[in-house]
PDB file of all heavy atoms in Angstrom:
ATOM      1  N   ARG A   1     -13.675  54.141  37.992  1.00  0.00           N
ATOM      2  CA  ARG A   1     -13.680  52.857  37.293  1.00  0.00           C
ATOM      3  C   ARG A   1     -12.952  52.908  35.959  1.00  0.00           C
ATOM      4  O   ARG A   1     -12.240  51.960  35.596  1.00  0.00           O
ATOM      5  CB  ARG A   1     -15.128  52.397  37.095  1.00  0.00           C
ATOM      6  CG  ARG A   1     -15.248  51.055  36.392  1.00  0.00           C
ATOM      7  CD  ARG A   1     -16.665  50.543  36.411  1.00  0.00           C
ATOM      8  NE  ARG A   1     -16.768  49.268  35.715  1.00  0.00           N
ATOM      9  CZ  ARG A   1     -17.622  48.322  36.029  1.00  0.00           C
ATOM     10  NH1 ARG A   1     -18.453  48.493  37.036  1.00  0.00           N
ATOM     11  NH2 ARG A   1     -17.652  47.184  35.358  1.00  0.00           N
ATOM     12  N   ASP A   2     -13.079  53.997  35.219  1.00  0.00           N
ATOM     13  CA  ASP A   2     -12.451  54.050  33.904  1.00  0.00           C
ATOM     14  C   ASP A   2     -10.957  54.376  33.973  1.00  0.00           C
ATOM     15  O   ASP A   2     -10.296  54.494  32.938  1.00  0.00           O
ATOM     16  CB  ASP A   2     -13.165  55.053  32.994  1.00  0.00           C
ATOM     17  CG  ASP A   2     -13.145  56.471  33.542  1.00  0.00           C
ATOM     18  OD1 ASP A   2     -12.631  56.678  34.658  1.00  0.00           O
ATOM     19  OD2 ASP A   2     -13.647  57.374  32.847  1.00  0.00           O
ATOM     20  N   MET A   3     -10.409  54.490  35.208  1.00  0.00           N
ATOM     21  CA  MET A   3      -8.992  54.790  35.367  1.00  0.00           C
ATOM     22  C   MET A   3      -8.208  53.629  35.997  1.00  0.00           C
ATOM     23  O   MET A   3      -7.014  53.729  36.231  1.00  0.00           O
ATOM     24  CB  MET A   3      -8.805  56.048  36.223  1.00  0.00           C
ATOM     25  CG  MET A   3      -9.382  57.306  35.605  1.00  0.00           C
ATOM     26  SD  MET A   3      -8.610  57.697  34.006  1.00  0.00           S
ATOM     27  CE  MET A   3      -6.941  58.086  34.536  1.00  0.00           C
ATOM     28  N   ILE A   4      -8.891  52.544  36.293  1.00  0.00           N
ATOM     29  CA  ILE A   4      -8.220  51.378  36.875  1.00  0.00           C
ATOM     30  C   ILE A   4      -8.830  50.110  36.297  1.00  0.00           C
ATOM     31  O   ILE A   4     -10.055  49.980  36.209  1.00  0.00           O
ATOM     32  CB  ILE A   4      -8.304  51.392  38.425  1.00  0.00           C
ATOM     33  CG1 ILE A   4      -7.535  50.218  39.027  1.00  0.00           C
ATOM     34  CG2 ILE A   4      -9.739  51.425  38.902  1.00  0.00           C
ATOM     35  CD1 ILE A   4      -7.390  50.288  40.541  1.00  0.00           C
ATOM     36  N   GLU A   5      -7.951  49.209  35.898  1.00  0.00           N
ATOM     37  CA  GLU A   5      -8.387  47.947  35.306  1.00  0.00           C
ATOM     38  C   GLU A   5      -7.844  46.760  36.087  1.00  0.00           C
ATOM     39  O   GLU A   5      -8.561  45.806  36.364  1.00  0.00           O
ATOM     40  CB  GLU A   5      -7.901  47.879  33.865  1.00  0.00           C
ATOM     41  CG  GLU A   5      -8.233  46.595  33.122  1.00  0.00           C
ATOM     42  CD  GLU A   5      -7.660  46.600  31.715  1.00  0.00           C
ATOM     43  OE1 GLU A   5      -6.475  46.981  31.556  1.00  0.00           O
ATOM     44  OE2 GLU A   5      -8.390  46.229  30.794  1.00  0.00           O
ATOM     45  N   TRP A   6      -6.571  46.836  36.454  1.00  0.00           N
ATOM     46  CA  TRP A   6      -5.887  45.737  37.126  1.00  0.00           C
ATOM     47  C   TRP A   6      -5.212  46.233  38.405  1.00  0.00           C
ATOM     48  O   TRP A   6      -5.030  47.429  38.605  1.00  0.00           O
ATOM     49  CB  TRP A   6      -4.844  45.108  36.203  1.00  0.00           C
ATOM     50  CG  TRP A   6      -3.806  46.082  35.696  1.00  0.00           C
ATOM     51  CD1 TRP A   6      -3.813  46.764  34.514  1.00  0.00           C
ATOM     52  CD2 TRP A   6      -2.612  46.506  36.373  1.00  0.00           C
ATOM     53  NE1 TRP A   6      -2.706  47.582  34.403  1.00  0.00           N
ATOM     54  CE2 TRP A   6      -1.947  47.434  35.529  1.00  0.00           C
ATOM     55  CE3 TRP A   6      -2.034  46.196  37.602  1.00  0.00           C
ATOM     56  CZ2 TRP A   6      -0.750  48.055  35.886  1.00  0.00           C
ATOM     57  CZ3 TRP A   6      -0.835  46.801  37.969  1.00  0.00           C
ATOM     58  CH2 TRP A   6      -0.202  47.719  37.101  1.00  0.00           C
ATOM     59  N   ALA A   7      -4.845  45.277  39.256  1.00  0.00           N
ATOM     60  CA  ALA A   7      -4.131  45.632  40.491  1.00  0.00           C
ATOM     61  C   ALA A   7      -3.350  44.427  40.992  1.00  0.00           C
ATOM     62  O   ALA A   7      -3.718  43.273  40.733  1.00  0.00           O
ATOM     63  CB  ALA A   7      -5.099  46.112  41.567  1.00  0.00           C
ATOM     64  N   VAL A   8      -2.268  44.715  41.689  1.00  0.00           N
ATOM     65  CA  VAL A   8      -1.476  43.680  42.361  1.00  0.00           C
ATOM     66  C   VAL A   8      -1.186  44.156  43.778  1.00  0.00           C
ATOM     67  O   VAL A   8      -0.670  45.261  43.972  1.00  0.00           O
ATOM     68  CB  VAL A   8      -0.146  43.405  41.636  1.00  0.00           C
ATOM     69  CG1 VAL A   8       0.634  42.303  42.362  1.00  0.00           C
ATOM     70  CG2 VAL A   8      -0.376  43.014  40.177  1.00  0.00           C
ATOM     71  N   LEU A   9      -1.539  43.342  44.761  1.00  0.00           N
ATOM     72  CA  LEU A   9      -1.227  43.611  46.154  1.00  0.00           C
ATOM     73  C   LEU A   9      -0.154  42.616  46.588  1.00  0.00           C
ATOM     74  O   LEU A   9      -0.216  41.437  46.217  1.00  0.00           O
ATOM     75  CB  LEU A   9      -2.454  43.450  47.044  1.00  0.00           C
ATOM     76  CG  LEU A   9      -3.641  44.403  46.833  1.00  0.00           C
ATOM     77  CD1 LEU A   9      -4.488  43.986  45.648  1.00  0.00           C
ATOM     78  CD2 LEU A   9      -4.517  44.450  48.088  1.00  0.00           C
ATOM     79  N   ALA A  10       0.820  43.070  47.371  1.00  0.00           N
ATOM     80  CA  ALA A  10       1.905  42.172  47.771  1.00  0.00           C
ATOM     81  C   ALA A  10       2.477  42.592  49.109  1.00  0.00           C
ATOM     82  O   ALA A  10       2.463  43.769  49.469  1.00  0.00           O
ATOM     83  CB  ALA A  10       3.008  42.168  46.711  1.00  0.00           C
ATOM     84  N   THR A  11       2.986  41.625  49.852  1.00  0.00           N
ATOM     85  CA  THR A  11       3.767  41.949  51.029  1.00  0.00           C
ATOM     86  C   THR A  11       5.177  42.321  50.578  1.00  0.00           C
ATOM     87  O   THR A  11       5.592  41.993  49.470  1.00  0.00           O
ATOM     88  CB  THR A  11       3.810  40.766  52.008  1.00  0.00           C
ATOM     89  OG1 THR A  11       4.337  39.603  51.343  1.00  0.00           O
ATOM     90  CG2 THR A  11       2.415  40.454  52.535  1.00  0.00           C
ATOM     91  N   ASP A  12       5.926  42.989  51.459  1.00  0.00           N
ATOM     92  CA  ASP A  12       7.229  43.491  51.031  1.00  0.00           C
ATOM     93  C   ASP A  12       8.202  42.375  50.701  1.00  0.00           C
ATOM     94  O   ASP A  12       9.092  42.546  49.861  1.00  0.00           O
ATOM     95  CB  ASP A  12       7.822  44.436  52.081  1.00  0.00           C
ATOM     96  CG  ASP A  12       8.153  43.742  53.400  1.00  0.00           C
ATOM     97  OD1 ASP A  12       7.484  42.753  53.742  1.00  0.00           O
ATOM     98  OD2 ASP A  12       9.081  44.205  54.087  1.00  0.00           O
ATOM     99  N   GLY A  13       8.036  41.208  51.310  1.00  0.00           N
ATOM    100  CA  GLY A  13       8.908  40.087  50.994  1.00  0.00           C
ATOM    101  C   GLY A  13       8.817  39.652  49.552  1.00  0.00           C
ATOM    102  O   GLY A  13       9.796  39.149  48.978  1.00  0.00           O
ATOM    103  N   ALA A  14       7.659  39.846  48.943  1.00  0.00           N
ATOM    104  CA  ALA A  14       7.497  39.566  47.517  1.00  0.00           C
ATOM    105  C   ALA A  14       7.782  40.808  46.686  1.00  0.00           C
ATOM    106  O   ALA A  14       8.522  40.751  45.694  1.00  0.00           O
ATOM    107  CB  ALA A  14       6.080  39.067  47.240  1.00  0.00           C
ATOM    108  N   ALA A  15       7.215  41.948  47.082  1.00  0.00           N
ATOM    109  CA  ALA A  15       7.300  43.163  46.263  1.00  0.00           C
ATOM    110  C   ALA A  15       8.737  43.627  46.065  1.00  0.00           C
ATOM    111  O   ALA A  15       9.135  44.004  44.954  1.00  0.00           O
ATOM    112  CB  ALA A  15       6.467  44.272  46.893  1.00  0.00           C
ATOM    113  N   ASP A  16       9.547  43.600  47.121  1.00  0.00           N
ATOM    114  CA  ASP A  16      10.916  44.095  47.007  1.00  0.00           C
ATOM    115  C   ASP A  16      11.734  43.250  46.035  1.00  0.00           C
ATOM    116  O   ASP A  16      12.519  43.778  45.237  1.00  0.00           O
ATOM    117  CB  ASP A  16      11.593  44.097  48.383  1.00  0.00           C
ATOM    118  CG  ASP A  16      11.023  45.144  49.320  1.00  0.00           C
ATOM    119  OD1 ASP A  16      10.221  45.986  48.865  1.00  0.00           O
ATOM    120  OD2 ASP A  16      11.369  45.121  50.523  1.00  0.00           O
ATOM    121  N   LEU A  17      11.565  41.944  46.101  1.00  0.00           N
ATOM    122  CA  LEU A  17      12.311  41.063  45.201  1.00  0.00           C
ATOM    123  C   LEU A  17      11.831  41.191  43.760  1.00  0.00           C
ATOM    124  O   LEU A  17      12.633  41.169  42.821  1.00  0.00           O
ATOM    125  CB  LEU A  17      12.163  39.610  45.665  1.00  0.00           C
ATOM    126  CG  LEU A  17      13.196  39.071  46.645  1.00  0.00           C
ATOM    127  CD1 LEU A  17      14.554  38.940  45.981  1.00  0.00           C
ATOM    128  CD2 LEU A  17      13.281  39.885  47.901  1.00  0.00           C
ATOM    129  N   ILE A  18      10.517  41.330  43.578  1.00  0.00           N
ATOM    130  CA  ILE A  18       9.964  41.473  42.234  1.00  0.00           C
ATOM    131  C   ILE A  18      10.437  42.772  41.602  1.00  0.00           C
ATOM    132  O   ILE A  18      10.822  42.808  40.427  1.00  0.00           O
ATOM    133  CB  ILE A  18       8.422  41.395  42.298  1.00  0.00           C
ATOM    134  CG1 ILE A  18       7.991  39.957  42.643  1.00  0.00           C
ATOM    135  CG2 ILE A  18       7.792  41.840  40.981  1.00  0.00           C
ATOM    136  CD1 ILE A  18       6.529  39.824  42.981  1.00  0.00           C
ATOM    137  N   GLU A  19      10.444  43.844  42.379  1.00  0.00           N
ATOM    138  CA  GLU A  19      10.961  45.126  41.891  1.00  0.00           C
ATOM    139  C   GLU A  19      12.447  44.996  41.525  1.00  0.00           C
ATOM    140  O   GLU A  19      12.896  45.487  40.486  1.00  0.00           O
ATOM    141  CB  GLU A  19      10.784  46.209  42.959  1.00  0.00           C
ATOM    142  CG  GLU A  19       9.342  46.624  43.205  1.00  0.00           C
ATOM    143  CD  GLU A  19       8.881  47.710  42.241  1.00  0.00           C
ATOM    144  OE1 GLU A  19       9.600  47.996  41.271  1.00  0.00           O
ATOM    145  OE2 GLU A  19       7.783  48.250  42.480  1.00  0.00           O
ATOM    146  N   HIS A  20      13.211  44.356  42.383  1.00  0.00           N
ATOM    147  CA  HIS A  20      14.649  44.208  42.151  1.00  0.00           C
ATOM    148  C   HIS A  20      14.918  43.426  40.865  1.00  0.00           C
ATOM    149  O   HIS A  20      15.883  43.722  40.147  1.00  0.00           O
ATOM    150  CB  HIS A  20      15.292  43.497  43.339  1.00  0.00           C
ATOM    151  CG  HIS A  20      16.778  43.364  43.230  1.00  0.00           C
ATOM    152  ND1 HIS A  20      17.639  44.416  43.479  1.00  0.00           N
ATOM    153  CD2 HIS A  20      17.568  42.298  42.896  1.00  0.00           C
ATOM    154  CE1 HIS A  20      18.886  44.021  43.309  1.00  0.00           C
ATOM    155  NE2 HIS A  20      18.877  42.739  42.962  1.00  0.00           N
ATOM    156  N   ALA A  21      14.062  42.454  40.573  1.00  0.00           N
ATOM    157  CA  ALA A  21      14.240  41.632  39.381  1.00  0.00           C
ATOM    158  C   ALA A  21      13.759  42.325  38.109  1.00  0.00           C
ATOM    159  O   ALA A  21      14.003  41.835  37.002  1.00  0.00           O
ATOM    160  CB  ALA A  21      13.511  40.301  39.551  1.00  0.00           C
ATOM    161  N   GLY A  22      13.080  43.457  38.250  1.00  0.00           N
ATOM    162  CA  GLY A  22      12.660  44.232  37.088  1.00  0.00           C
ATOM    163  C   GLY A  22      11.381  43.774  36.418  1.00  0.00           C
ATOM    164  O   GLY A  22      11.109  44.143  35.275  1.00  0.00           O
ATOM    165  N   HIS A  23      10.579  42.973  37.113  1.00  0.00           N
ATOM    166  CA  HIS A  23       9.305  42.539  36.538  1.00  0.00           C
ATOM    167  C   HIS A  23       8.328  43.706  36.463  1.00  0.00           C
ATOM    168  O   HIS A  23       8.378  44.634  37.268  1.00  0.00           O
ATOM    169  CB  HIS A  23       8.697  41.408  37.373  1.00  0.00           C
ATOM    170  CG  HIS A  23       9.502  40.149  37.370  1.00  0.00           C
ATOM    171  ND1 HIS A  23       9.515  39.276  36.313  1.00  0.00           N
ATOM    172  CD2 HIS A  23      10.337  39.625  38.302  1.00  0.00           C
ATOM    173  CE1 HIS A  23      10.301  38.256  36.590  1.00  0.00           C
ATOM    174  NE2 HIS A  23      10.824  38.440  37.793  1.00  0.00           N
ATOM    175  N   ARG A  24       7.417  43.655  35.514  1.00  0.00           N
ATOM    176  CA  ARG A  24       6.430  44.704  35.329  1.00  0.00           C
ATOM    177  C   ARG A  24       5.107  44.283  35.955  1.00  0.00           C
ATOM    178  O   ARG A  24       4.591  43.184  35.701  1.00  0.00           O
ATOM    179  CB  ARG A  24       6.228  45.002  33.837  1.00  0.00           C
ATOM    180  CG  ARG A  24       7.486  45.474  33.128  1.00  0.00           C
ATOM    181  CD  ARG A  24       8.012  46.792  33.709  1.00  0.00           C
ATOM    182  NE  ARG A  24       7.027  47.858  33.620  1.00  0.00           N
ATOM    183  CZ  ARG A  24       6.860  48.613  32.540  1.00  0.00           C
ATOM    184  NH1 ARG A  24       7.612  48.428  31.462  1.00  0.00           N
ATOM    185  NH2 ARG A  24       5.938  49.555  32.535  1.00  0.00           N
ATOM    186  N   TRP A  25       4.549  45.180  36.746  1.00  0.00           N
ATOM    187  CA  TRP A  25       3.350  44.843  37.504  1.00  0.00           C
ATOM    188  C   TRP A  25       2.146  44.601  36.607  1.00  0.00           C
ATOM    189  O   TRP A  25       1.294  43.746  36.913  1.00  0.00           O
ATOM    190  CB  TRP A  25       3.057  45.930  38.529  1.00  0.00           C
ATOM    191  CG  TRP A  25       4.096  45.999  39.600  1.00  0.00           C
ATOM    192  CD1 TRP A  25       5.051  46.960  39.774  1.00  0.00           C
ATOM    193  CD2 TRP A  25       4.319  45.046  40.642  1.00  0.00           C
ATOM    194  NE1 TRP A  25       5.853  46.664  40.852  1.00  0.00           N
ATOM    195  CE2 TRP A  25       5.421  45.499  41.409  1.00  0.00           C
ATOM    196  CE3 TRP A  25       3.682  43.848  41.003  1.00  0.00           C
ATOM    197  CZ2 TRP A  25       5.906  44.792  42.504  1.00  0.00           C
ATOM    198  CZ3 TRP A  25       4.160  43.149  42.106  1.00  0.00           C
ATOM    199  CH2 TRP A  25       5.257  43.626  42.838  1.00  0.00           C
ATOM    200  N   HIS A  26       2.030  45.322  35.497  1.00  0.00           N
ATOM    201  CA  HIS A  26       0.855  45.116  34.639  1.00  0.00           C
ATOM    202  C   HIS A  26       0.869  43.730  34.014  1.00  0.00           C
ATOM    203  O   HIS A  26      -0.192  43.176  33.703  1.00  0.00           O
ATOM    204  CB  HIS A  26       0.779  46.206  33.554  1.00  0.00           C
ATOM    205  CG  HIS A  26       1.794  46.077  32.466  1.00  0.00           C
ATOM    206  ND1 HIS A  26       3.054  46.598  32.561  1.00  0.00           N
ATOM    207  CD2 HIS A  26       1.716  45.483  31.245  1.00  0.00           C
ATOM    208  CE1 HIS A  26       3.731  46.348  31.451  1.00  0.00           C
ATOM    209  NE2 HIS A  26       2.942  45.665  30.644  1.00  0.00           N
ATOM    210  N   ARG A  27       2.049  43.155  33.861  1.00  0.00           N
ATOM    211  CA  ARG A  27       2.132  41.789  33.353  1.00  0.00           C
ATOM    212  C   ARG A  27       1.810  40.776  34.448  1.00  0.00           C
ATOM    213  O   ARG A  27       1.103  39.790  34.215  1.00  0.00           O
ATOM    214  CB  ARG A  27       3.522  41.527  32.778  1.00  0.00           C
ATOM    215  CG  ARG A  27       3.810  42.332  31.510  1.00  0.00           C
ATOM    216  CD  ARG A  27       5.229  42.135  31.042  1.00  0.00           C
ATOM    217  NE  ARG A  27       5.496  42.914  29.836  1.00  0.00           N
ATOM    218  CZ  ARG A  27       6.705  43.163  29.356  1.00  0.00           C
ATOM    219  NH1 ARG A  27       7.772  42.687  29.992  1.00  0.00           N
ATOM    220  NH2 ARG A  27       6.863  43.890  28.264  1.00  0.00           N
ATOM    221  N   ILE A  28       2.335  41.035  35.650  1.00  0.00           N
ATOM    222  CA  ILE A  28       2.064  40.129  36.765  1.00  0.00           C
ATOM    223  C   ILE A  28       0.569  40.085  37.077  1.00  0.00           C
ATOM    224  O   ILE A  28       0.041  39.046  37.482  1.00  0.00           O
ATOM    225  CB  ILE A  28       2.870  40.573  38.000  1.00  0.00           C
ATOM    226  CG1 ILE A  28       4.368  40.383  37.730  1.00  0.00           C
ATOM    227  CG2 ILE A  28       2.455  39.805  39.251  1.00  0.00           C
ATOM    228  CD1 ILE A  28       5.262  40.951  38.802  1.00  0.00           C
ATOM    229  N   ALA A  29      -0.123  41.191  36.860  1.00  0.00           N
ATOM    230  CA  ALA A  29      -1.573  41.221  37.117  1.00  0.00           C
ATOM    231  C   ALA A  29      -2.323  40.182  36.294  1.00  0.00           C
ATOM    232  O   ALA A  29      -3.416  39.756  36.678  1.00  0.00           O
ATOM    233  CB  ALA A  29      -2.124  42.611  36.822  1.00  0.00           C
ATOM    234  N   GLN A  30      -1.739  39.749  35.180  1.00  0.00           N
ATOM    235  CA  GLN A  30      -2.403  38.785  34.305  1.00  0.00           C
ATOM    236  C   GLN A  30      -2.089  37.328  34.687  1.00  0.00           C
ATOM    237  O   GLN A  30      -2.650  36.405  34.096  1.00  0.00           O
ATOM    238  CB  GLN A  30      -1.973  39.009  32.843  1.00  0.00           C
ATOM    239  CG  GLN A  30      -2.043  40.452  32.374  1.00  0.00           C
ATOM    240  CD  GLN A  30      -3.416  41.064  32.524  1.00  0.00           C
ATOM    241  OE1 GLN A  30      -4.423  40.448  32.166  1.00  0.00           O
ATOM    242  NE2 GLN A  30      -3.477  42.288  33.051  1.00  0.00           N
ATOM    243  N   TYR A  31      -1.205  37.123  35.653  1.00  0.00           N
ATOM    244  CA  TYR A  31      -0.787  35.769  36.005  1.00  0.00           C
ATOM    245  C   TYR A  31      -1.896  35.000  36.715  1.00  0.00           C
ATOM    246  O   TYR A  31      -2.690  35.575  37.464  1.00  0.00           O
ATOM    247  CB  TYR A  31       0.424  35.813  36.941  1.00  0.00           C
ATOM    248  CG  TYR A  31       1.740  36.176  36.293  1.00  0.00           C
ATOM    249  CD1 TYR A  31       1.827  36.597  34.970  1.00  0.00           C
ATOM    250  CD2 TYR A  31       2.924  36.106  37.032  1.00  0.00           C
ATOM    251  CE1 TYR A  31       3.040  36.939  34.400  1.00  0.00           C
ATOM    252  CE2 TYR A  31       4.148  36.440  36.476  1.00  0.00           C
ATOM    253  CZ  TYR A  31       4.202  36.862  35.158  1.00  0.00           C
ATOM    254  OH  TYR A  31       5.410  37.191  34.615  1.00  0.00           O
ATOM    255  N   ASP A  32      -1.909  33.685  36.488  1.00  0.00           N
ATOM    256  CA  ASP A  32      -2.813  32.821  37.244  1.00  0.00           C
ATOM    257  C   ASP A  32      -2.070  32.286  38.476  1.00  0.00           C
ATOM    258  O   ASP A  32      -0.908  32.640  38.736  1.00  0.00           O
ATOM    259  CB  ASP A  32      -3.361  31.687  36.378  1.00  0.00           C
ATOM    260  CG  ASP A  32      -2.265  30.778  35.815  1.00  0.00           C
ATOM    261  OD1 ASP A  32      -1.137  30.752  36.367  1.00  0.00           O
ATOM    262  OD2 ASP A  32      -2.535  30.079  34.819  1.00  0.00           O
ATOM    263  N   ASP A  33      -2.734  31.439  39.249  1.00  0.00           N
ATOM    264  CA  ASP A  33      -2.138  30.938  40.493  1.00  0.00           C
ATOM    265  C   ASP A  33      -0.795  30.268  40.245  1.00  0.00           C
ATOM    266  O   ASP A  33       0.177  30.501  40.979  1.00  0.00           O
ATOM    267  CB  ASP A  33      -3.087  29.940  41.173  1.00  0.00           C
ATOM    268  CG  ASP A  33      -4.331  30.596  41.743  1.00  0.00           C
ATOM    269  OD1 ASP A  33      -4.414  31.839  41.745  1.00  0.00           O
ATOM    270  OD2 ASP A  33      -5.226  29.854  42.200  1.00  0.00           O
ATOM    271  N   ALA A  34      -0.738  29.415  39.213  1.00  0.00           N
ATOM    272  CA  ALA A  34       0.491  28.670  38.935  1.00  0.00           C
ATOM    273  C   ALA A  34       1.625  29.608  38.544  1.00  0.00           C
ATOM    274  O   ALA A  34       2.778  29.422  38.963  1.00  0.00           O
ATOM    275  CB  ALA A  34       0.243  27.639  37.829  1.00  0.00           C
ATOM    276  N   GLN A  35       1.327  30.616  37.754  1.00  0.00           N
ATOM    277  CA  GLN A  35       2.369  31.562  37.343  1.00  0.00           C
ATOM    278  C   GLN A  35       2.852  32.412  38.508  1.00  0.00           C
ATOM    279  O   GLN A  35       4.045  32.701  38.619  1.00  0.00           O
ATOM    280  CB  GLN A  35       1.832  32.449  36.215  1.00  0.00           C
ATOM    281  CG  GLN A  35       1.622  31.715  34.897  1.00  0.00           C
ATOM    282  CD  GLN A  35       0.889  32.563  33.878  1.00  0.00           C
ATOM    283  OE1 GLN A  35      -0.167  33.144  34.181  1.00  0.00           O
ATOM    284  NE2 GLN A  35       1.418  32.634  32.677  1.00  0.00           N
ATOM    285  N   LEU A  36       1.938  32.805  39.388  1.00  0.00           N
ATOM    286  CA  LEU A  36       2.340  33.561  40.572  1.00  0.00           C
ATOM    287  C   LEU A  36       3.208  32.704  41.492  1.00  0.00           C
ATOM    288  O   LEU A  36       4.210  33.173  42.039  1.00  0.00           O
ATOM    289  CB  LEU A  36       1.112  34.065  41.331  1.00  0.00           C
ATOM    290  CG  LEU A  36       0.275  35.144  40.645  1.00  0.00           C
ATOM    291  CD1 LEU A  36      -0.985  35.423  41.463  1.00  0.00           C
ATOM    292  CD2 LEU A  36       1.068  36.432  40.437  1.00  0.00           C
TER     293      LEU A  36
END
C-alpha cells in the first residue's frame, strides 16, 4: 500500500497513442471523466 497511490489502466488503442504523444501517466491518473 505505501508503494502505490495511483494507477491508469488502458487498452492499447489508447495507451499507444498516449505514449506517442508524450503524456505522463501520473498526471493522467488525476483526470476526471471529462478530461479523459
